[in-house]
Amino acid sequence: MLMTPHLRRLMLTAHITFSVGWLGAVAVFLAHSIAGLLSADTLTVRTAYLAMNLSAWVIILPACVGALLTGIFQSVGTQWGLFKYYWVVVKLLLTIGATVLLLVHMQPITFMAGIVSQGPLMGTEHRGLQIQLVADAAAALLVLLATTTISVYKPWGMTFYGLDKLKKRSDQQNRKSKGRFIVIGIIVFVILFIIHLMGGGLHGH
């Protein structure tokens, strides 16, 4: 069922807000992860990982879930549908992938925040994890930029499912049109028949 215009605008506003917030927060997260990896200043490293953990739980995760849910509602409640167009399907899969990536890496983020809260990072013991957080943030940012681009350009056209739904709808509309023509024809025939009978009755008098 299609949403009302007021609800559609509300859901679109919420979806854009969550999506933009998610994109911006991931960009800041990437900057913090690079600072945590490259900086030689102990305070900067500690602040970066603590800020990453806070932003991940308070901003990125809620924005991610909000963007996913509002995107689904926006698709289902409008003419776009959830599986009718390739761009919607691709965007949905990318968003789900980014969400799964985030959920999987929440633990390493929290782990690094716990390490720096206990004291400065020593040596290269956690270098692999630090690099991983940078790579994950960069990958997430690229995915979000891709979904934004797809939303604007809406490429690739309709899926086979969408084309099938369109054909069925067209066939249904054609049947309805034929039915209306038949009903109109019957009504016209009945009216002409009544006029003929009335005319014959008048001539009889």
Protein backbone atom coordinates (compact mmCIF):
# COMPACT_ATOMS: atom_id res chain seq x y z
CA MET A 1 0.00 0.00 0.00
CA LEU A 2 1.36 3.41 -0.98
CA MET A 3 1.99 5.94 1.77
CA THR A 4 0.12 9.21 1.98
CA PRO A 5 2.01 12.27 0.66
CA HIS A 6 2.52 13.59 4.21
CA LEU A 7 3.91 10.27 5.48
CA ARG A 8 6.06 9.86 2.38
CA ARG A 9 7.69 13.26 2.93
CA LEU A 10 8.19 12.45 6.61
CA MET A 11 9.88 9.13 5.85
CA LEU A 12 12.01 10.71 3.11
CA THR A 13 13.16 13.43 5.51
CA ALA A 14 14.03 10.83 8.14
CA HIS A 15 15.87 8.66 5.60
CA ILE A 16 17.96 11.58 4.29
CA THR A 17 18.74 12.70 7.84
CA PHE A 18 19.90 9.25 8.94
CA SER A 19 21.87 8.68 5.73
CA VAL A 20 23.67 12.04 5.83
CA GLY A 21 24.38 11.61 9.54
CA TRP A 22 25.77 8.13 8.92
CA LEU A 23 27.99 9.33 6.08
CA GLY A 24 29.35 12.27 8.06
CA ALA A 25 29.97 10.22 11.18
CA VAL A 26 31.87 7.56 9.20
CA ALA A 27 34.03 10.27 7.60
CA VAL A 28 34.92 11.59 11.06
CA PHE A 29 35.51 8.01 12.25
CA LEU A 30 37.95 7.50 9.37
CA ALA A 31 39.83 10.66 10.31
CA HIS A 32 40.09 9.48 13.93
CA SER A 33 41.27 6.01 12.88
CA ILE A 34 44.02 7.51 10.70
CA ALA A 35 45.07 9.78 13.58
CA GLY A 36 45.15 6.80 15.92
CA LEU A 37 47.32 4.86 13.48
CA LEU A 38 49.78 7.56 12.46
CA SER A 39 50.05 9.96 15.38
CA ALA A 40 53.03 9.72 17.72
CA ASP A 41 51.28 11.75 20.40
CA THR A 42 49.93 9.52 23.16
CA LEU A 43 47.07 11.88 24.06
CA THR A 44 45.97 12.18 20.43
CA VAL A 45 45.91 8.40 20.01
CA ARG A 46 43.98 7.89 23.23
CA THR A 47 41.46 10.61 22.37
CA ALA A 48 41.00 9.26 18.83
CA TYR A 49 40.08 5.72 19.89
CA LEU A 50 37.84 6.86 22.73
CA ALA A 51 36.04 9.22 20.33
CA MET A 52 35.72 6.41 17.77
CA ASN A 53 34.09 4.13 20.31
CA LEU A 54 31.68 6.84 21.47
CA SER A 55 30.68 7.92 17.96
CA ALA A 56 30.28 4.30 16.82
CA TRP A 57 27.77 3.46 19.56
CA VAL A 58 25.97 6.79 19.90
CA ILE A 59 25.89 8.09 16.30
CA ILE A 60 26.99 5.60 13.64
CA LEU A 61 25.05 2.53 14.81
CA PRO A 62 21.71 4.35 15.36
CA ALA A 63 22.11 6.24 12.06
CA CYS A 64 22.93 3.00 10.26
CA VAL A 65 19.87 1.17 11.58
CA GLY A 66 17.68 4.23 11.01
CA ALA A 67 18.83 4.63 7.40
CA LEU A 68 18.23 0.94 6.69
CA LEU A 69 14.73 0.83 8.20
CA THR A 70 13.52 4.13 6.74
CA GLY A 71 14.94 3.12 3.36
CA ILE A 72 12.94 -0.11 3.43
CA PHE A 73 9.74 1.69 4.47
CA GLN A 74 10.38 4.36 1.83
CA SER A 75 10.72 1.72 -0.88
CA VAL A 76 7.79 -0.44 0.16
CA GLY A 77 5.47 2.56 0.63
CA THR A 78 6.17 4.24 -2.73
CA GLN A 79 5.94 3.34 -6.40
CA TRP A 80 9.61 2.24 -6.38
CA GLY A 81 8.98 -0.93 -4.42
CA LEU A 82 11.70 -3.00 -2.78
CA PHE A 83 12.56 -5.36 -5.66
CA LYS A 84 11.15 -3.60 -8.75
CA TYR A 85 14.27 -1.62 -9.68
CA TYR A 86 17.89 -2.70 -9.77
CA TRP A 87 19.12 0.50 -8.11
CA VAL A 88 16.87 -0.10 -5.10
CA VAL A 89 18.01 -3.73 -4.78
CA VAL A 90 21.70 -2.80 -5.10
CA LYS A 91 21.35 0.04 -2.60
CA LEU A 92 19.55 -2.28 -0.17
CA LEU A 93 22.28 -4.93 -0.45
CA LEU A 94 25.05 -2.35 0.00
CA THR A 95 23.31 -0.89 3.05
CA ILE A 96 22.81 -4.33 4.59
CA GLY A 97 26.46 -5.16 3.89
CA ALA A 98 27.63 -1.93 5.53
CA THR A 99 25.39 -2.64 8.52
CA VAL A 100 26.77 -6.16 8.94
CA LEU A 101 30.33 -4.81 8.58
CA LEU A 102 29.65 -2.28 11.31
CA LEU A 103 28.09 -4.81 13.70
CA VAL A 104 30.99 -7.23 13.21
CA HIS A 105 33.58 -4.55 13.97
CA MET A 106 31.93 -2.93 16.96
CA GLN A 107 33.84 -5.28 19.26
CA PRO A 108 37.33 -4.33 17.91
CA ILE A 109 36.41 -0.66 18.25
CA THR A 110 35.40 -1.15 21.87
CA PHE A 111 38.50 -3.29 22.45
CA MET A 112 40.84 -0.54 21.23
CA ALA A 113 39.04 2.03 23.38
CA GLY A 114 39.54 -0.25 26.39
CA ILE A 115 43.25 -0.64 25.63
CA VAL A 116 43.95 3.10 25.41
CA SER A 117 41.85 3.81 28.51
CA GLN A 118 44.22 1.62 30.54
CA GLY A 119 47.41 3.23 29.23
CA PRO A 120 49.35 4.26 26.11
CA LEU A 121 49.77 1.85 23.20
CA MET A 122 53.14 0.16 23.37
CA GLY A 123 55.06 -0.94 20.27
CA THR A 124 53.28 -2.52 17.31
CA GLU A 125 51.27 -5.13 19.20
CA HIS A 126 47.92 -3.80 17.97
CA ARG A 127 49.14 -2.35 14.66
CA GLY A 128 47.18 -4.90 12.63
CA LEU A 129 43.93 -4.00 14.37
CA GLN A 130 44.62 -0.29 13.93
CA ILE A 131 45.14 -0.77 10.19
CA GLN A 132 41.99 -2.89 10.01
CA LEU A 133 39.91 -0.09 11.57
CA VAL A 134 41.24 2.37 8.98
CA ALA A 135 40.48 -0.04 6.13
CA ASP A 136 36.98 -0.78 7.46
CA ALA A 137 36.15 2.90 7.83
CA ALA A 138 37.43 3.65 4.30
CA ALA A 139 35.41 0.75 2.86
CA ALA A 140 32.27 1.88 4.70
CA LEU A 141 32.73 5.44 3.43
CA LEU A 142 33.07 4.21 -0.17
CA VAL A 143 29.93 2.10 0.19
CA LEU A 144 27.95 5.05 1.56
CA LEU A 145 29.18 7.30 -1.25
CA ALA A 146 28.13 4.61 -3.72
CA THR A 147 24.63 4.34 -2.23
CA THR A 148 24.30 8.13 -2.34
CA THR A 149 25.31 8.19 -6.00
CA ILE A 150 22.90 5.37 -6.83
CA SER A 151 20.06 7.22 -5.09
CA VAL A 152 20.66 10.29 -7.24
CA TYR A 153 21.19 8.65 -10.66
CA LYS A 154 18.86 5.63 -10.21
CA PRO A 155 20.58 3.50 -12.91
CA TRP A 156 19.89 0.09 -14.53
CA GLY A 157 16.10 0.17 -14.95
CA MET A 158 13.56 -2.40 -13.76
CA THR A 159 14.24 -5.93 -12.55
CA PHE A 160 12.53 -8.99 -14.05
CA TYR A 161 10.26 -8.98 -11.01
CA GLY A 162 9.39 -5.33 -11.63
CA LEU A 163 8.72 -5.94 -15.32
CA ASP A 164 6.51 -8.90 -14.46
CA LYS A 165 4.55 -6.80 -11.94
CA LEU A 166 4.21 -4.02 -14.51
CA LYS A 167 2.93 -6.47 -17.14
CA LYS A 168 0.40 -7.96 -14.72
CA ARG A 169 -0.79 -4.49 -13.75
CA SER A 170 -1.07 -3.52 -17.41
CA ASP A 171 -3.04 -6.70 -18.18
CA GLN A 172 -5.30 -6.03 -15.21
CA GLN A 173 -5.92 -2.45 -16.36
CA ASN A 174 -6.66 -3.71 -19.87
CA ARG A 175 -9.18 -6.19 -18.49
CA LYS A 176 -10.79 -3.45 -16.45
CA SER A 177 -10.95 -1.20 -19.52
CA LYS A 178 -12.51 -3.97 -21.59
CA GLY A 179 -14.97 -4.63 -18.79
CA ARG A 180 -15.95 -0.97 -18.67
CA PHE A 181 -16.45 -0.90 -22.43
CA ILE A 182 -18.64 -4.00 -22.24
CA VAL A 183 -20.75 -2.50 -19.44
CA ILE A 184 -21.08 0.80 -21.34
CA GLY A 185 -22.05 -1.12 -24.48
CA ILE A 186 -24.71 -3.06 -22.60
CA ILE A 187 -26.10 0.13 -21.06
CA VAL A 188 -26.21 1.85 -24.46
CA PHE A 189 -27.91 -1.21 -25.99
CA VAL A 190 -30.51 -1.29 -23.20
CA ILE A 191 -31.19 2.45 -23.58
CA LEU A 192 -31.59 2.12 -27.37
CA PHE A 193 -33.82 -0.90 -26.89
CA ILE A 194 -36.01 1.02 -24.42
CA ILE A 195 -36.17 3.99 -26.80
CA HIS A 196 -37.15 1.62 -29.59
CA LEU A 197 -39.90 0.09 -27.48
CA MET A 198 -41.17 3.51 -26.45
CA GLY A 199 -41.11 4.62 -30.06
CA GLY A 200 -43.04 1.55 -31.15
CA GLY A 201 -45.58 2.06 -28.38
CA LEU A 202 -46.18 5.68 -29.40
CA HIS A 203 -46.69 4.70 -33.04
CA GLY A 204 -49.16 2.07 -31.89
CA HIS A 205 -51.28 4.77 -30.25
